[in-house]
Amino acid sequence: MSDDFIIKNSGEVLDITINQPGRGNGMSDPMIVELADLVEKEGDKVRLIVIRGAGADFCVGRSSMGAPRPAGLDALETRGISDHVFRCYGIFRACKAPILAVVKGQAAGFGFALAAAADITIAADTAKFSIPEFNHGIMPTMVMSSMIDRVPMKALMYHVWTSKVISAEKAMEIGAVSEVVPEAELDAAAQAFIDRMLHFKRPAVLAVKEYGVNAQAIDMSKAVSFARSLHAMVNSAKEMKRSEPHK
């Protein structure tokens, strides 16, 4: 593991801090691959994954955004350049454990996409979100793909085309953020959520993630049938019957 991330793994919580505060935690392509590999490797072993940014910002985007691409690439080669980004978003969705993003400062481009792709996003009231790709001459369907099941299409297209910097409250209004808290209370709010998630039985926590990710892609009758099956299977699991005190 490189110095680009600070990793803490308790066995139940995998805490990942993007550790490039001098550049706003801008993510290089190798960092994106490293992050995806880590989530893929540990996602079926822990109860919860937490993503944060060191320093003032969550992530200002890809550090290569706006850089010219090599000349002479054909369509297949050009597509391959971006596949690691799509893979990262896909791994976030496929990860068995829920992912919590804790956002302060800027979350722009790829950073906004990471925040939106997380299952739960808690943001400081001072956080700022934007999709600046159009300002750099980039057609941003990569970012859009991370938010397509999070943000209503009219809102998503508007923020893509305008590249507006929006508040955490506005990001919550369009569905990209779960909760907004005063900046001074951000760490406490995140820890309270982590503590609550650790209290619940793991099969139930994972079933909610599985249902949330998959049920949107099927019609209503199948979604209800899927819910019935998960409900019966998970609630009858031996682990669900172990006695634990309620908080």
Foldseek 3Di string as FASTA:
>chain_A
DDPQWDWDPPQAETEIEREDVVVQSAAELVRLLVVLVVLLVCLVRYQEYEYAYPDAWGYAYHPCQLPDDDPDDDPVRVVVVCVSLLSSLVSQLVRLHAYEYQTGAEQEASSLLVLQSGPAYEYEQHYKYWHCNVVSVHDRVSSVVSCVVFFPPVVVVVRNVVRDIDTPVVCVVRGSHPYYDHPVCRVVVVVVVVVQSVQAQRLVNSLVSVLVSPLVVDDDVVSVVSVVVSVVVSCPDPSVPDDDDDD
